[in-house]
Amino acid sequence: MDKLTSISVTEFSKFSLDEKSEQVLVPEGYELYKKLTIEDQIKTWQAEIDQYEAEKEPTTEELIDLGKSMHQYYMNQMRKEELIERLKEYEVKIIEPIIKK
């Protein structure tokens, strides 16, 4: 998509005004975006900083749980349980292997 920083009179004439609502009607193929002012951008960054400052530091237990949830072994175990539940839904019996590791 082309980004315009200025518009020609010919292009501008494609836009019109709805006099009832006093809204600019944007022709098909065009989209308008408001460019943030420096002040708006600073407010946005400050709000994001405030949000991060309000966050609580995770406990050791939360970090351990997160680590487990992202470790491949535990992901595989969750997938195994999910598959077992699916098999149970179809009333298929799970046969344990005769030789275990």
PDB file of N, CA and C in Angstrom:
ATOM      1  N   MET A   1       0.852  -1.168   0.000  1.00  0.00           N
ATOM      2  CA  MET A   1       0.000   0.000   0.000  1.00  0.00           C
ATOM      3  C   MET A   1       0.899   1.233   0.000  1.00  0.00           C
ATOM      4  N   ASP A   2       0.551   2.179  -0.858  1.00  0.00           N
ATOM      5  CA  ASP A   2       1.311   3.424  -0.919  1.00  0.00           C
ATOM      6  C   ASP A   2       0.919   4.329   0.237  1.00  0.00           C
ATOM      7  N   LYS A   3       1.922   4.956   0.818  1.00  0.00           N
ATOM      8  CA  LYS A   3       1.679   5.896   1.907  1.00  0.00           C
ATOM      9  C   LYS A   3       1.883   7.300   1.355  1.00  0.00           C
ATOM     10  N   LEU A   4       0.844   8.104   1.429  1.00  0.00           N
ATOM     11  CA  LEU A   4       0.928   9.459   0.912  1.00  0.00           C
ATOM     12  C   LEU A   4       1.278  10.429   2.031  1.00  0.00           C
ATOM     13  N   THR A   5       2.186  11.324   1.742  1.00  0.00           N
ATOM     14  CA  THR A   5       2.480  12.388   2.701  1.00  0.00           C
ATOM     15  C   THR A   5       1.890  13.709   2.215  1.00  0.00           C
ATOM     16  N   SER A   6       1.458  13.718   0.966  1.00  0.00           N
ATOM     17  CA  SER A   6       0.742  14.863   0.416  1.00  0.00           C
ATOM     18  C   SER A   6      -0.221  14.307  -0.625  1.00  0.00           C
ATOM     19  N   ILE A   7      -1.167  15.138  -1.050  1.00  0.00           N
ATOM     20  CA  ILE A   7      -2.170  14.662  -1.996  1.00  0.00           C
ATOM     21  C   ILE A   7      -2.403  15.740  -3.051  1.00  0.00           C
ATOM     22  N   SER A   8      -2.526  15.299  -4.280  1.00  0.00           N
ATOM     23  CA  SER A   8      -2.748  16.250  -5.377  1.00  0.00           C
ATOM     24  C   SER A   8      -4.204  16.707  -5.366  1.00  0.00           C
ATOM     25  N   VAL A   9      -4.464  17.795  -6.063  1.00  0.00           N
ATOM     26  CA  VAL A   9      -5.824  18.321  -6.159  1.00  0.00           C
ATOM     27  C   VAL A   9      -6.726  17.289  -6.829  1.00  0.00           C
ATOM     28  N   THR A  10      -6.189  16.588  -7.825  1.00  0.00           N
ATOM     29  CA  THR A  10      -6.972  15.566  -8.520  1.00  0.00           C
ATOM     30  C   THR A  10      -7.363  14.454  -7.558  1.00  0.00           C
ATOM     31  N   GLU A  11      -6.406  13.972  -6.764  1.00  0.00           N
ATOM     32  CA  GLU A  11      -6.692  12.927  -5.781  1.00  0.00           C
ATOM     33  C   GLU A  11      -7.643  13.448  -4.702  1.00  0.00           C
ATOM     34  N   PHE A  12      -7.430  14.671  -4.269  1.00  0.00           N
ATOM     35  CA  PHE A  12      -8.247  15.264  -3.210  1.00  0.00           C
ATOM     36  C   PHE A  12      -9.699  15.393  -3.651  1.00  0.00           C
ATOM     37  N   SER A  13      -9.913  15.630  -4.950  1.00  0.00           N
ATOM     38  CA  SER A  13     -11.281  15.814  -5.451  1.00  0.00           C
ATOM     39  C   SER A  13     -12.098  14.526  -5.374  1.00  0.00           C
ATOM     40  N   LYS A  14     -11.455  13.390  -5.162  1.00  0.00           N
ATOM     41  CA  LYS A  14     -12.161  12.111  -5.019  1.00  0.00           C
ATOM     42  C   LYS A  14     -12.862  12.013  -3.657  1.00  0.00           C
ATOM     43  N   PHE A  15     -12.421  12.810  -2.708  1.00  0.00           N
ATOM     44  CA  PHE A  15     -13.030  12.831  -1.378  1.00  0.00           C
ATOM     45  C   PHE A  15     -14.210  13.797  -1.409  1.00  0.00           C
ATOM     46  N   SER A  16     -15.224  13.516  -0.587  1.00  0.00           N
ATOM     47  CA  SER A  16     -16.376  14.421  -0.538  1.00  0.00           C
ATOM     48  C   SER A  16     -16.819  14.592   0.910  1.00  0.00           C
ATOM     49  N   LEU A  17     -17.724  15.550   1.096  1.00  0.00           N
ATOM     50  CA  LEU A  17     -18.206  15.853   2.440  1.00  0.00           C
ATOM     51  C   LEU A  17     -19.676  15.495   2.547  1.00  0.00           C
ATOM     52  N   ASP A  18     -20.019  14.720   3.572  1.00  0.00           N
ATOM     53  CA  ASP A  18     -21.424  14.454   3.880  1.00  0.00           C
ATOM     54  C   ASP A  18     -21.873  15.619   4.750  1.00  0.00           C
ATOM     55  N   GLU A  19     -22.689  16.481   4.170  1.00  0.00           N
ATOM     56  CA  GLU A  19     -23.046  17.721   4.859  1.00  0.00           C
ATOM     57  C   GLU A  19     -23.904  17.492   6.099  1.00  0.00           C
ATOM     58  N   LYS A  20     -24.685  16.408   6.117  1.00  0.00           N
ATOM     59  CA  LYS A  20     -25.516  16.124   7.294  1.00  0.00           C
ATOM     60  C   LYS A  20     -24.650  15.810   8.504  1.00  0.00           C
ATOM     61  N   SER A  21     -23.711  14.884   8.304  1.00  0.00           N
ATOM     62  CA  SER A  21     -22.882  14.445   9.433  1.00  0.00           C
ATOM     63  C   SER A  21     -21.585  15.233   9.547  1.00  0.00           C
ATOM     64  N   GLU A  22     -21.306  16.051   8.544  1.00  0.00           N
ATOM     65  CA  GLU A  22     -20.052  16.806   8.480  1.00  0.00           C
ATOM     66  C   GLU A  22     -18.831  15.877   8.544  1.00  0.00           C
ATOM     67  N   GLN A  23     -18.984  14.709   7.909  1.00  0.00           N
ATOM     68  CA  GLN A  23     -17.907  13.723   7.848  1.00  0.00           C
ATOM     69  C   GLN A  23     -17.341  13.697   6.430  1.00  0.00           C
ATOM     70  N   VAL A  24     -16.039  13.486   6.334  1.00  0.00           N
ATOM     71  CA  VAL A  24     -15.406  13.316   5.030  1.00  0.00           C
ATOM     72  C   VAL A  24     -15.651  11.894   4.572  1.00  0.00           C
ATOM     73  N   LEU A  25     -16.147  11.725   3.352  1.00  0.00           N
ATOM     74  CA  LEU A  25     -16.374  10.402   2.790  1.00  0.00           C
ATOM     75  C   LEU A  25     -15.109   9.964   2.062  1.00  0.00           C
ATOM     76  N   VAL A  26     -14.574   8.843   2.475  1.00  0.00           N
ATOM     77  CA  VAL A  26     -13.318   8.332   1.915  1.00  0.00           C
ATOM     78  C   VAL A  26     -13.658   7.395   0.763  1.00  0.00           C
ATOM     79  N   PRO A  27     -13.130   7.686  -0.431  1.00  0.00           N
ATOM     80  CA  PRO A  27     -13.448   6.826  -1.571  1.00  0.00           C
ATOM     81  C   PRO A  27     -12.842   5.433  -1.435  1.00  0.00           C
ATOM     82  N   GLU A  28     -13.428   4.477  -2.148  1.00  0.00           N
ATOM     83  CA  GLU A  28     -12.935   3.102  -2.129  1.00  0.00           C
ATOM     84  C   GLU A  28     -11.471   3.086  -2.569  1.00  0.00           C
ATOM     85  N   GLY A  29     -10.694   2.270  -1.876  1.00  0.00           N
ATOM     86  CA  GLY A  29      -9.273   2.169  -2.199  1.00  0.00           C
ATOM     87  C   GLY A  29      -8.392   3.070  -1.351  1.00  0.00           C
ATOM     88  N   TYR A  30      -9.022   3.912  -0.532  1.00  0.00           N
ATOM     89  CA  TYR A  30      -8.277   4.813   0.340  1.00  0.00           C
ATOM     90  C   TYR A  30      -8.589   4.495   1.796  1.00  0.00           C
ATOM     91  N   GLU A  31      -7.625   4.725   2.657  1.00  0.00           N
ATOM     92  CA  GLU A  31      -7.814   4.640   4.099  1.00  0.00           C
ATOM     93  C   GLU A  31      -7.112   5.836   4.719  1.00  0.00           C
ATOM     94  N   LEU A  32      -7.714   6.385   5.747  1.00  0.00           N
ATOM     95  CA  LEU A  32      -7.105   7.516   6.450  1.00  0.00           C
ATOM     96  C   LEU A  32      -6.594   7.062   7.803  1.00  0.00           C
ATOM     97  N   TYR A  33      -5.432   7.540   8.164  1.00  0.00           N
ATOM     98  CA  TYR A  33      -4.832   7.250   9.459  1.00  0.00           C
ATOM     99  C   TYR A  33      -4.391   8.560  10.084  1.00  0.00           C
ATOM    100  N   LYS A  34      -4.671   8.699  11.358  1.00  0.00           N
ATOM    101  CA  LYS A  34      -4.219   9.886  12.066  1.00  0.00           C
ATOM    102  C   LYS A  34      -2.765   9.687  12.469  1.00  0.00           C
ATOM    103  N   LYS A  35      -1.951  10.631  12.115  1.00  0.00           N
ATOM    104  CA  LYS A  35      -0.546  10.590  12.507  1.00  0.00           C
ATOM    105  C   LYS A  35      -0.435  11.171  13.913  1.00  0.00           C
ATOM    106  N   LEU A  36       0.220  10.410  14.800  1.00  0.00           N
ATOM    107  CA  LEU A  36       0.381  10.879  16.177  1.00  0.00           C
ATOM    108  C   LEU A  36       1.294  12.095  16.235  1.00  0.00           C
ATOM    109  N   THR A  37       0.898  13.056  17.046  1.00  0.00           N
ATOM    110  CA  THR A  37       1.789  14.184  17.305  1.00  0.00           C
ATOM    111  C   THR A  37       2.861  13.712  18.286  1.00  0.00           C
ATOM    112  N   ILE A  38       3.905  14.476  18.438  1.00  0.00           N
ATOM    113  CA  ILE A  38       4.967  14.143  19.402  1.00  0.00           C
ATOM    114  C   ILE A  38       4.364  14.021  20.800  1.00  0.00           C
ATOM    115  N   GLU A  39       3.455  14.927  21.148  1.00  0.00           N
ATOM    116  CA  GLU A  39       2.831  14.905  22.463  1.00  0.00           C
ATOM    117  C   GLU A  39       2.016  13.630  22.662  1.00  0.00           C
ATOM    118  N   ASP A  40       1.263  13.230  21.622  1.00  0.00           N
ATOM    119  CA  ASP A  40       0.484  11.991  21.699  1.00  0.00           C
ATOM    120  C   ASP A  40       1.398  10.783  21.856  1.00  0.00           C
ATOM    121  N   GLN A  41       2.506  10.776  21.119  1.00  0.00           N
ATOM    122  CA  GLN A  41       3.434   9.651  21.193  1.00  0.00           C
ATOM    123  C   GLN A  41       4.048   9.557  22.586  1.00  0.00           C
ATOM    124  N   ILE A  42       4.418  10.689  23.160  1.00  0.00           N
ATOM    125  CA  ILE A  42       4.990  10.713  24.512  1.00  0.00           C
ATOM    126  C   ILE A  42       3.967  10.189  25.528  1.00  0.00           C
ATOM    127  N   LYS A  43       2.696  10.599  25.391  1.00  0.00           N
ATOM    128  CA  LYS A  43       1.642  10.112  26.296  1.00  0.00           C
ATOM    129  C   LYS A  43       1.477   8.596  26.163  1.00  0.00           C
ATOM    130  N   THR A  44       1.533   8.099  24.933  1.00  0.00           N
ATOM    131  CA  THR A  44       1.402   6.662  24.692  1.00  0.00           C
ATOM    132  C   THR A  44       2.544   5.904  25.357  1.00  0.00           C
ATOM    133  N   TRP A  45       3.764   6.396  25.188  1.00  0.00           N
ATOM    134  CA  TRP A  45       4.933   5.742  25.804  1.00  0.00           C
ATOM    135  C   TRP A  45       4.832   5.787  27.325  1.00  0.00           C
ATOM    136  N   GLN A  46       4.395   6.934  27.873  1.00  0.00           N
ATOM    137  CA  GLN A  46       4.294   7.065  29.329  1.00  0.00           C
ATOM    138  C   GLN A  46       3.237   6.106  29.874  1.00  0.00           C
ATOM    139  N   ALA A  47       2.121   5.967  29.173  1.00  0.00           N
ATOM    140  CA  ALA A  47       1.076   5.038  29.610  1.00  0.00           C
ATOM    141  C   ALA A  47       1.597   3.608  29.597  1.00  0.00           C
ATOM    142  N   GLU A  48       2.401   3.270  28.600  1.00  0.00           N
ATOM    143  CA  GLU A  48       2.982   1.925  28.533  1.00  0.00           C
ATOM    144  C   GLU A  48       3.968   1.704  29.673  1.00  0.00           C
ATOM    145  N   ILE A  49       4.786   2.700  29.969  1.00  0.00           N
ATOM    146  CA  ILE A  49       5.736   2.619  31.092  1.00  0.00           C
ATOM    147  C   ILE A  49       4.968   2.444  32.400  1.00  0.00           C
ATOM    148  N   ASP A  50       3.889   3.210  32.588  1.00  0.00           N
ATOM    149  CA  ASP A  50       3.075   3.114  33.801  1.00  0.00           C
ATOM    150  C   ASP A  50       2.488   1.711  33.956  1.00  0.00           C
ATOM    151  N   GLN A  51       2.057   1.137  32.836  1.00  0.00           N
ATOM    152  CA  GLN A  51       1.500  -0.215  32.864  1.00  0.00           C
ATOM    153  C   GLN A  51       2.562  -1.218  33.306  1.00  0.00           C
ATOM    154  N   TYR A  52       3.780  -1.093  32.780  1.00  0.00           N
ATOM    155  CA  TYR A  52       4.859  -2.011  33.166  1.00  0.00           C
ATOM    156  C   TYR A  52       5.234  -1.838  34.630  1.00  0.00           C
ATOM    157  N   GLU A  53       5.237  -0.605  35.111  1.00  0.00           N
ATOM    158  CA  GLU A  53       5.585  -0.351  36.504  1.00  0.00           C
ATOM    159  C   GLU A  53       4.540  -0.921  37.462  1.00  0.00           C
ATOM    160  N   ALA A  54       3.303  -1.022  37.017  1.00  0.00           N
ATOM    161  CA  ALA A  54       2.217  -1.527  37.867  1.00  0.00           C
ATOM    162  C   ALA A  54       2.230  -3.053  37.969  1.00  0.00           C
ATOM    163  N   GLU A  55       2.982  -3.702  37.082  1.00  0.00           N
ATOM    164  CA  GLU A  55       3.014  -5.168  37.110  1.00  0.00           C
ATOM    165  C   GLU A  55       3.725  -5.679  38.352  1.00  0.00           C
ATOM    166  N   LYS A  56       3.232  -6.820  38.833  1.00  0.00           N
ATOM    167  CA  LYS A  56       3.828  -7.468  39.987  1.00  0.00           C
ATOM    168  C   LYS A  56       4.910  -8.433  39.506  1.00  0.00           C
ATOM    169  N   GLU A  57       6.038  -8.458  40.200  1.00  0.00           N
ATOM    170  CA  GLU A  57       7.095  -9.405  39.855  1.00  0.00           C
ATOM    171  C   GLU A  57       6.614 -10.819  40.161  1.00  0.00           C
ATOM    172  N   PRO A  58       6.871 -11.765  39.247  1.00  0.00           N
ATOM    173  CA  PRO A  58       6.392 -13.132  39.485  1.00  0.00           C
ATOM    174  C   PRO A  58       7.129 -13.785  40.658  1.00  0.00           C
ATOM    175  N   THR A  59       6.414 -14.691  41.332  1.00  0.00           N
ATOM    176  CA  THR A  59       7.032 -15.436  42.424  1.00  0.00           C
ATOM    177  C   THR A  59       7.908 -16.538  41.832  1.00  0.00           C
ATOM    178  N   THR A  60       8.742 -17.121  42.657  1.00  0.00           N
ATOM    179  CA  THR A  60       9.585 -18.236  42.215  1.00  0.00           C
ATOM    180  C   THR A  60       8.719 -19.385  41.717  1.00  0.00           C
ATOM    181  N   GLU A  61       7.633 -19.659  42.413  1.00  0.00           N
ATOM    182  CA  GLU A  61       6.733 -20.737  42.006  1.00  0.00           C
ATOM    183  C   GLU A  61       6.125 -20.458  40.622  1.00  0.00           C
ATOM    184  N   GLU A  62       5.728 -19.205  40.387  1.00  0.00           N
ATOM    185  CA  GLU A  62       5.175 -18.847  39.076  1.00  0.00           C
ATOM    186  C   GLU A  62       6.218 -19.029  37.971  1.00  0.00           C
ATOM    187  N   LEU A  63       7.452 -18.664  38.259  1.00  0.00           N
ATOM    188  CA  LEU A  63       8.519 -18.826  37.265  1.00  0.00           C
ATOM    189  C   LEU A  63       8.798 -20.301  36.980  1.00  0.00           C
ATOM    190  N   ILE A  64       8.764 -21.124  38.013  1.00  0.00           N
ATOM    191  CA  ILE A  64       8.971 -22.567  37.829  1.00  0.00           C
ATOM    192  C   ILE A  64       7.830 -23.147  36.994  1.00  0.00           C
ATOM    193  N   ASP A  65       6.593 -22.764  37.315  1.00  0.00           N
ATOM    194  CA  ASP A  65       5.440 -23.251  36.549  1.00  0.00           C
ATOM    195  C   ASP A  65       5.531 -22.821  35.095  1.00  0.00           C
ATOM    196  N   LEU A  66       5.948 -21.587  34.866  1.00  0.00           N
ATOM    197  CA  LEU A  66       6.105 -21.098  33.497  1.00  0.00           C
ATOM    198  C   LEU A  66       7.172 -21.890  32.760  1.00  0.00           C
ATOM    199  N   GLY A  67       8.298 -22.121  33.431  1.00  0.00           N
ATOM    200  CA  GLY A  67       9.374 -22.905  32.824  1.00  0.00           C
ATOM    201  C   GLY A  67       8.911 -24.300  32.459  1.00  0.00           C
ATOM    202  N   LYS A  68       8.157 -24.920  33.351  1.00  0.00           N
ATOM    203  CA  LYS A  68       7.636 -26.260  33.077  1.00  0.00           C
ATOM    204  C   LYS A  68       6.677 -26.238  31.892  1.00  0.00           C
ATOM    205  N   SER A  69       5.818 -25.227  31.860  1.00  0.00           N
ATOM    206  CA  SER A  69       4.810 -25.178  30.790  1.00  0.00           C
ATOM    207  C   SER A  69       5.445 -24.970  29.421  1.00  0.00           C
ATOM    208  N   MET A  70       6.653 -24.415  29.398  1.00  0.00           N
ATOM    209  CA  MET A  70       7.309 -24.156  28.119  1.00  0.00           C
ATOM    210  C   MET A  70       8.356 -25.218  27.768  1.00  0.00           C
ATOM    211  N   HIS A  71       8.625 -26.125  28.684  1.00  0.00           N
ATOM    212  CA  HIS A  71       9.617 -27.162  28.429  1.00  0.00           C
ATOM    213  C   HIS A  71       8.993 -28.257  27.569  1.00  0.00           C
ATOM    214  N   GLN A  72       9.742 -28.754  26.602  1.00  0.00           N
ATOM    215  CA  GLN A  72       9.222 -29.731  25.651  1.00  0.00           C
ATOM    216  C   GLN A  72       8.683 -30.991  26.325  1.00  0.00           C
ATOM    217  N   TYR A  73       9.354 -31.466  27.372  1.00  0.00           N
ATOM    218  CA  TYR A  73       8.908 -32.671  28.066  1.00  0.00           C
ATOM    219  C   TYR A  73       7.476 -32.497  28.570  1.00  0.00           C
ATOM    220  N   TYR A  74       7.220 -31.378  29.255  1.00  0.00           N
ATOM    221  CA  TYR A  74       5.888 -31.141  29.823  1.00  0.00           C
ATOM    222  C   TYR A  74       4.856 -30.871  28.733  1.00  0.00           C
ATOM    223  N   MET A  75       5.274 -30.248  27.647  1.00  0.00           N
ATOM    224  CA  MET A  75       4.363 -30.038  26.523  1.00  0.00           C
ATOM    225  C   MET A  75       3.967 -31.393  25.926  1.00  0.00           C
ATOM    226  N   ASN A  76       4.939 -32.299  25.813  1.00  0.00           N
ATOM    227  CA  ASN A  76       4.657 -33.641  25.300  1.00  0.00           C
ATOM    228  C   ASN A  76       3.729 -34.402  26.235  1.00  0.00           C
ATOM    229  N   GLN A  77       3.911 -34.232  27.550  1.00  0.00           N
ATOM    230  CA  GLN A  77       3.054 -34.904  28.518  1.00  0.00           C
ATOM    231  C   GLN A  77       1.618 -34.393  28.408  1.00  0.00           C
ATOM    232  N   MET A  78       1.465 -33.083  28.222  1.00  0.00           N
ATOM    233  CA  MET A  78       0.127 -32.517  28.057  1.00  0.00           C
ATOM    234  C   MET A  78      -0.515 -33.041  26.770  1.00  0.00           C
ATOM    235  N   ARG A  79       0.269 -33.137  25.710  1.00  0.00           N
ATOM    236  CA  ARG A  79      -0.245 -33.668  24.446  1.00  0.00           C
ATOM    237  C   ARG A  79      -0.649 -35.131  24.616  1.00  0.00           C
ATOM    238  N   LYS A  80       0.157 -35.908  25.341  1.00  0.00           N
ATOM    239  CA  LYS A  80      -0.165 -37.310  25.591  1.00  0.00           C
ATOM    240  C   LYS A  80      -1.496 -37.423  26.320  1.00  0.00           C
ATOM    241  N   GLU A  81      -1.692 -36.614  27.360  1.00  0.00           N
ATOM    242  CA  GLU A  81      -2.947 -36.632  28.116  1.00  0.00           C
ATOM    243  C   GLU A  81      -4.130 -36.246  27.227  1.00  0.00           C
ATOM    244  N   GLU A  82      -3.913 -35.275  26.376  1.00  0.00           N
ATOM    245  CA  GLU A  82      -4.959 -34.852  25.445  1.00  0.00           C
ATOM    246  C   GLU A  82      -5.352 -36.000  24.512  1.00  0.00           C
ATOM    247  N   LEU A  83      -4.357 -36.713  23.993  1.00  0.00           N
ATOM    248  CA  LEU A  83      -4.625 -37.844  23.098  1.00  0.00           C
ATOM    249  C   LEU A  83      -5.330 -38.981  23.831  1.00  0.00           C
ATOM    250  N   ILE A  84      -4.914 -39.230  25.064  1.00  0.00           N
ATOM    251  CA  ILE A  84      -5.558 -40.278  25.868  1.00  0.00           C
ATOM    252  C   ILE A  84      -7.030 -39.933  26.075  1.00  0.00           C
ATOM    253  N   GLU A  85      -7.321 -38.672  26.375  1.00  0.00           N
ATOM    254  CA  GLU A  85      -8.713 -38.243  26.569  1.00  0.00           C
ATOM    255  C   GLU A  85      -9.513 -38.422  25.286  1.00  0.00           C
ATOM    256  N   ARG A  86      -8.899 -38.118  24.140  1.00  0.00           N
ATOM    257  CA  ARG A  86      -9.587 -38.309  22.864  1.00  0.00           C
ATOM    258  C   ARG A  86      -9.911 -39.779  22.639  1.00  0.00           C
ATOM    259  N   LEU A  87      -8.941 -40.641  22.954  1.00  0.00           N
ATOM    260  CA  LEU A  87      -9.171 -42.076  22.792  1.00  0.00           C
ATOM    261  C   LEU A  87     -10.294 -42.554  23.700  1.00  0.00           C
ATOM    262  N   LYS A  88     -10.332 -42.043  24.915  1.00  0.00           N
ATOM    263  CA  LYS A  88     -11.394 -42.422  25.854  1.00  0.00           C
ATOM    264  C   LYS A  88     -12.759 -42.008  25.309  1.00  0.00           C
ATOM    265  N   GLU A  89     -12.795 -40.857  24.654  1.00  0.00           N
ATOM    266  CA  GLU A  89     -14.055 -40.393  24.085  1.00  0.00           C
ATOM    267  C   GLU A  89     -14.584 -41.377  23.047  1.00  0.00           C
ATOM    268  N   TYR A  90     -13.691 -42.017  22.341  1.00  0.00           N
ATOM    269  CA  TYR A  90     -14.084 -42.979  21.315  1.00  0.00           C
ATOM    270  C   TYR A  90     -14.115 -44.404  21.856  1.00  0.00           C
ATOM    271  N   GLU A  91     -13.978 -44.522  23.165  1.00  0.00           N
ATOM    272  CA  GLU A  91     -14.031 -45.809  23.851  1.00  0.00           C
ATOM    273  C   GLU A  91     -13.044 -46.818  23.291  1.00  0.00           C
ATOM    274  N   VAL A  92     -11.866 -46.324  22.986  1.00  0.00           N
ATOM    275  CA  VAL A  92     -10.793 -47.202  22.519  1.00  0.00           C
ATOM    276  C   VAL A  92      -9.925 -47.510  23.725  1.00  0.00           C
ATOM    277  N   LYS A  93      -9.626 -48.774  23.949  1.00  0.00           N
ATOM    278  CA  LYS A  93      -8.800 -49.158  25.085  1.00  0.00           C
ATOM    279  C   LYS A  93      -7.325 -48.927  24.750  1.00  0.00           C
ATOM    280  N   ILE A  94      -6.634 -48.409  25.733  1.00  0.00           N
ATOM    281  CA  ILE A  94      -5.198 -48.168  25.573  1.00  0.00           C
ATOM    282  C   ILE A  94      -4.474 -49.388  26.114  1.00  0.00           C
ATOM    283  N   ILE A  95      -3.655 -49.967  25.288  1.00  0.00           N
ATOM    284  CA  ILE A  95      -2.897 -51.158  25.690  1.00  0.00           C
ATOM    285  C   ILE A  95      -1.479 -50.714  26.015  1.00  0.00           C
ATOM    286  N   GLU A  96      -1.080 -50.938  27.239  1.00  0.00           N
ATOM    287  CA  GLU A  96       0.271 -50.590  27.654  1.00  0.00           C
ATOM    288  C   GLU A  96       1.255 -51.543  26.965  1.00  0.00           C
ATOM    289  N   PRO A  97       2.399 -51.051  26.563  1.00  0.00           N
ATOM    290  CA  PRO A  97       3.396 -51.932  25.960  1.00  0.00           C
ATOM    291  C   PRO A  97       3.859 -53.017  26.972  1.00  0.00           C
ATOM    292  N   ILE A  98       4.130 -54.175  26.455  1.00  0.00           N
ATOM    293  CA  ILE A  98       4.575 -55.280  27.311  1.00  0.00           C
ATOM    294  C   ILE A  98       5.965 -54.983  27.869  1.00  0.00           C
ATOM    295  N   ILE A  99       6.832 -54.469  27.026  1.00  0.00           N
ATOM    296  CA  ILE A  99       8.187 -54.149  27.455  1.00  0.00           C
ATOM    297  C   ILE A  99       8.251 -52.669  27.747  1.00  0.00           C
ATOM    298  N   LYS A 100       8.615 -52.349  28.979  1.00  0.00           N
ATOM    299  CA  LYS A 100       8.745 -50.932  29.361  1.00  0.00           C
ATOM    300  C   LYS A 100      10.208 -50.578  29.408  1.00  0.00           C
ATOM    301  N   LYS A 101      10.481 -49.342  29.148  1.00  0.00           N
ATOM    302  CA  LYS A 101      11.868 -48.877  29.152  1.00  0.00           C
ATOM    303  C   LYS A 101      12.409 -48.807  30.552  1.00  0.00           C
TER     304      LYS A 101
END
